[in-house]
Amino acid sequence: MQVNKHQNTKSINAVLPERRRAQRFRVRWEVTVRGVDGKGRIFDEAGYLQNLSSTGALMILPSCPASDARLSVRVTIPFKKRSCIGYSARVARVEETEHRVAVALVFDNQRPSFVDAQ
């Protein structure tokens, strides 16, 4: 076991089996999200996707939604003609640091809906 002296946390160096069911793709696409934050307030924010798969995504947002919150997600795909896809999703995990909030999502449906670009 390795102890990190700077953060008073313990970590174990081990190789864990991959638990994801779908391949993830690294992207940096714009995203807008509507949902409820950790204080129960409705929010509508812009952020970006860090990775995407058919079953979920990891996005970076300026504020923290509640764990297990229901979200409406709109992803802008940077094609020549701006295209948008939409998902309904559940927050699976939130990792909040001093500089960002990473939000892991699980999509309700593997097929997105195509929505009008704004």
C-alpha atoms as a PDB file:
ATOM      1  CA  MET A   1       0.000   0.000   0.000  1.00  0.00           C
ATOM      2  CA  GLN A   2       1.316   3.446  -0.904  1.00  0.00           C
ATOM      3  CA  VAL A   3       0.572   6.449   1.325  1.00  0.00           C
ATOM      4  CA  ASN A   4       0.357   9.896  -0.237  1.00  0.00           C
ATOM      5  CA  LYS A   5       1.918  12.240   2.356  1.00  0.00           C
ATOM      6  CA  HIS A   6       0.566  15.412   0.724  1.00  0.00           C
ATOM      7  CA  GLN A   7      -3.132  14.569   0.907  1.00  0.00           C
ATOM      8  CA  ASN A   8      -3.343  12.176   3.905  1.00  0.00           C
ATOM      9  CA  THR A   9      -4.979   9.576   1.703  1.00  0.00           C
ATOM     10  CA  LYS A  10      -4.060   5.974   1.121  1.00  0.00           C
ATOM     11  CA  SER A  11      -3.975   4.478  -2.334  1.00  0.00           C
ATOM     12  CA  ILE A  12      -3.338   0.986  -3.573  1.00  0.00           C
ATOM     13  CA  ASN A  13      -1.485   0.455  -6.824  1.00  0.00           C
ATOM     14  CA  ALA A  14      -3.451  -2.273  -8.568  1.00  0.00           C
ATOM     15  CA  VAL A  15      -4.750  -3.071 -12.011  1.00  0.00           C
ATOM     16  CA  LEU A  16      -8.539  -3.244 -11.926  1.00  0.00           C
ATOM     17  CA  PRO A  17     -10.615  -4.937 -14.620  1.00  0.00           C
ATOM     18  CA  GLU A  18     -12.479  -2.646 -17.013  1.00  0.00           C
ATOM     19  CA  ARG A  19     -16.119  -2.364 -15.897  1.00  0.00           C
ATOM     20  CA  ARG A  20     -17.429  -0.293 -18.789  1.00  0.00           C
ATOM     21  CA  ARG A  21     -19.787  -2.033 -21.179  1.00  0.00           C
ATOM     22  CA  ALA A  22     -19.174   0.323 -24.102  1.00  0.00           C
ATOM     23  CA  GLN A  23     -16.114   1.882 -25.700  1.00  0.00           C
ATOM     24  CA  ARG A  24     -15.477   5.498 -24.686  1.00  0.00           C
ATOM     25  CA  PHE A  25     -14.308   8.169 -27.097  1.00  0.00           C
ATOM     26  CA  ARG A  26     -12.361  11.222 -26.041  1.00  0.00           C
ATOM     27  CA  VAL A  27     -14.071  14.373 -27.234  1.00  0.00           C
ATOM     28  CA  ARG A  28     -14.253  18.004 -26.264  1.00  0.00           C
ATOM     29  CA  TRP A  29     -17.714  18.919 -27.474  1.00  0.00           C
ATOM     30  CA  GLU A  30     -19.947  21.658 -26.125  1.00  0.00           C
ATOM     31  CA  VAL A  31     -22.820  20.563 -23.943  1.00  0.00           C
ATOM     32  CA  THR A  32     -25.759  22.319 -22.302  1.00  0.00           C
ATOM     33  CA  VAL A  33     -27.459  20.716 -19.359  1.00  0.00           C
ATOM     34  CA  ARG A  34     -30.728  21.343 -17.580  1.00  0.00           C
ATOM     35  CA  GLY A  35     -31.336  19.805 -14.181  1.00  0.00           C
ATOM     36  CA  VAL A  36     -31.174  20.321 -10.427  1.00  0.00           C
ATOM     37  CA  ASP A  37     -28.014  21.341  -8.548  1.00  0.00           C
ATOM     38  CA  GLY A  38     -26.854  19.984  -5.185  1.00  0.00           C
ATOM     39  CA  LYS A  39     -28.954  22.612  -3.358  1.00  0.00           C
ATOM     40  CA  GLY A  40     -32.188  21.705  -5.132  1.00  0.00           C
ATOM     41  CA  ARG A  41     -32.158  24.663  -7.541  1.00  0.00           C
ATOM     42  CA  ILE A  42     -32.980  24.282 -11.227  1.00  0.00           C
ATOM     43  CA  PHE A  43     -30.043  25.173 -13.479  1.00  0.00           C
ATOM     44  CA  ASP A  44     -29.321  25.484 -17.174  1.00  0.00           C
ATOM     45  CA  GLU A  45     -25.570  25.507 -17.845  1.00  0.00           C
ATOM     46  CA  ALA A  46     -22.957  25.121 -20.528  1.00  0.00           C
ATOM     47  CA  GLY A  47     -19.934  22.875 -20.227  1.00  0.00           C
ATOM     48  CA  TYR A  48     -18.127  20.306 -22.325  1.00  0.00           C
ATOM     49  CA  LEU A  49     -17.908  16.552 -22.752  1.00  0.00           C
ATOM     50  CA  GLN A  50     -14.637  14.902 -21.883  1.00  0.00           C
ATOM     51  CA  ASN A  51     -15.639  11.472 -23.145  1.00  0.00           C
ATOM     52  CA  LEU A  52     -18.684   9.798 -24.648  1.00  0.00           C
ATOM     53  CA  SER A  53     -19.967   6.256 -25.174  1.00  0.00           C
ATOM     54  CA  SER A  54     -23.264   4.725 -26.197  1.00  0.00           C
ATOM     55  CA  THR A  55     -24.236   4.246 -22.544  1.00  0.00           C
ATOM     56  CA  GLY A  56     -22.937   7.403 -20.854  1.00  0.00           C
ATOM     57  CA  ALA A  57     -20.550  10.313 -20.752  1.00  0.00           C
ATOM     58  CA  LEU A  58     -18.231  12.350 -18.572  1.00  0.00           C
ATOM     59  CA  MET A  59     -18.791  16.089 -18.724  1.00  0.00           C
ATOM     60  CA  ILE A  60     -17.221  19.104 -17.084  1.00  0.00           C
ATOM     61  CA  LEU A  61     -19.568  21.727 -15.631  1.00  0.00           C
ATOM     62  CA  PRO A  62     -19.131  24.935 -13.613  1.00  0.00           C
ATOM     63  CA  SER A  63     -21.480  23.769 -10.819  1.00  0.00           C
ATOM     64  CA  CYS A  64     -22.415  20.564  -9.125  1.00  0.00           C
ATOM     65  CA  PRO A  65     -25.683  18.733  -9.847  1.00  0.00           C
ATOM     66  CA  ALA A  66     -27.101  16.464  -7.166  1.00  0.00           C
ATOM     67  CA  SER A  67     -25.998  12.834  -7.217  1.00  0.00           C
ATOM     68  CA  ASP A  68     -28.647  10.665  -8.868  1.00  0.00           C
ATOM     69  CA  ALA A  69     -30.242  13.803 -10.395  1.00  0.00           C
ATOM     70  CA  ARG A  70     -32.171  13.556 -13.672  1.00  0.00           C
ATOM     71  CA  LEU A  71     -30.700  15.739 -16.441  1.00  0.00           C
ATOM     72  CA  SER A  72     -31.575  16.817 -19.935  1.00  0.00           C
ATOM     73  CA  VAL A  73     -28.359  16.929 -21.971  1.00  0.00           C
ATOM     74  CA  ARG A  74     -27.825  18.634 -25.340  1.00  0.00           C
ATOM     75  CA  VAL A  75     -24.552  17.878 -27.144  1.00  0.00           C
ATOM     76  CA  THR A  76     -23.275  20.067 -29.995  1.00  0.00           C
ATOM     77  CA  ILE A  77     -21.426  17.922 -32.523  1.00  0.00           C
ATOM     78  CA  PRO A  78     -18.828  20.017 -34.366  1.00  0.00           C
ATOM     79  CA  PHE A  79     -19.583  19.019 -37.938  1.00  0.00           C
ATOM     80  CA  LYS A  80     -19.500  21.484 -40.821  1.00  0.00           C
ATOM     81  CA  LYS A  81     -23.193  22.058 -40.146  1.00  0.00           C
ATOM     82  CA  ARG A  82     -23.696  22.329 -36.377  1.00  0.00           C
ATOM     83  CA  SER A  83     -25.705  19.339 -35.245  1.00  0.00           C
ATOM     84  CA  CYS A  84     -27.115  18.628 -31.802  1.00  0.00           C
ATOM     85  CA  ILE A  85     -28.162  15.439 -30.113  1.00  0.00           C
ATOM     86  CA  GLY A  86     -30.114  15.133 -26.900  1.00  0.00           C
ATOM     87  CA  TYR A  87     -30.192  12.612 -24.092  1.00  0.00           C
ATOM     88  CA  SER A  88     -32.037  12.179 -20.863  1.00  0.00           C
ATOM     89  CA  ALA A  89     -29.629  10.924 -18.240  1.00  0.00           C
ATOM     90  CA  ARG A  90     -28.990  10.199 -14.585  1.00  0.00           C
ATOM     91  CA  VAL A  91     -25.981  11.491 -12.659  1.00  0.00           C
ATOM     92  CA  ALA A  92     -23.940   8.424 -11.689  1.00  0.00           C
ATOM     93  CA  ARG A  93     -21.019  10.190  -9.997  1.00  0.00           C
ATOM     94  CA  VAL A  94     -19.773  13.703  -9.259  1.00  0.00           C
ATOM     95  CA  GLU A  95     -16.107  14.553  -8.682  1.00  0.00           C
ATOM     96  CA  GLU A  96     -15.710  18.093  -7.426  1.00  0.00           C
ATOM     97  CA  THR A  97     -12.266  19.687  -7.237  1.00  0.00           C
ATOM     98  CA  GLU A  98     -11.067  23.210  -6.674  1.00  0.00           C
ATOM     99  CA  HIS A  99     -11.018  23.920 -10.423  1.00  0.00           C
ATOM    100  CA  ARG A 100     -13.851  21.880 -11.963  1.00  0.00           C
ATOM    101  CA  VAL A 101     -16.801  19.558 -11.505  1.00  0.00           C
ATOM    102  CA  ALA A 102     -16.675  16.272 -13.418  1.00  0.00           C
ATOM    103  CA  VAL A 103     -20.080  14.633 -13.809  1.00  0.00           C
ATOM    104  CA  ALA A 104     -20.455  11.010 -14.938  1.00  0.00           C
ATOM    105  CA  LEU A 105     -23.760  10.289 -16.672  1.00  0.00           C
ATOM    106  CA  VAL A 106     -25.707   7.159 -17.509  1.00  0.00           C
ATOM    107  CA  PHE A 107     -28.025   7.649 -20.490  1.00  0.00           C
ATOM    108  CA  ASP A 108     -31.622   6.434 -20.268  1.00  0.00           C
ATOM    109  CA  ASN A 109     -31.486   5.304 -23.884  1.00  0.00           C
ATOM    110  CA  GLN A 110     -28.516   4.388 -26.067  1.00  0.00           C
ATOM    111  CA  ARG A 111     -29.999   6.228 -29.048  1.00  0.00           C
ATOM    112  CA  PRO A 112     -29.903  10.010 -28.805  1.00  0.00           C
ATOM    113  CA  SER A 113     -32.609  12.232 -30.219  1.00  0.00           C
ATOM    114  CA  PHE A 114     -31.582  14.719 -32.885  1.00  0.00           C
ATOM    115  CA  VAL A 115     -32.513  18.267 -31.908  1.00  0.00           C
ATOM    116  CA  ASP A 116     -32.369  21.650 -33.629  1.00  0.00           C
ATOM    117  CA  ALA A 117     -29.110  23.563 -33.275  1.00  0.00           C
ATOM    118  CA  GLN A 118     -29.418  26.952 -31.646  1.00  0.00           C
END
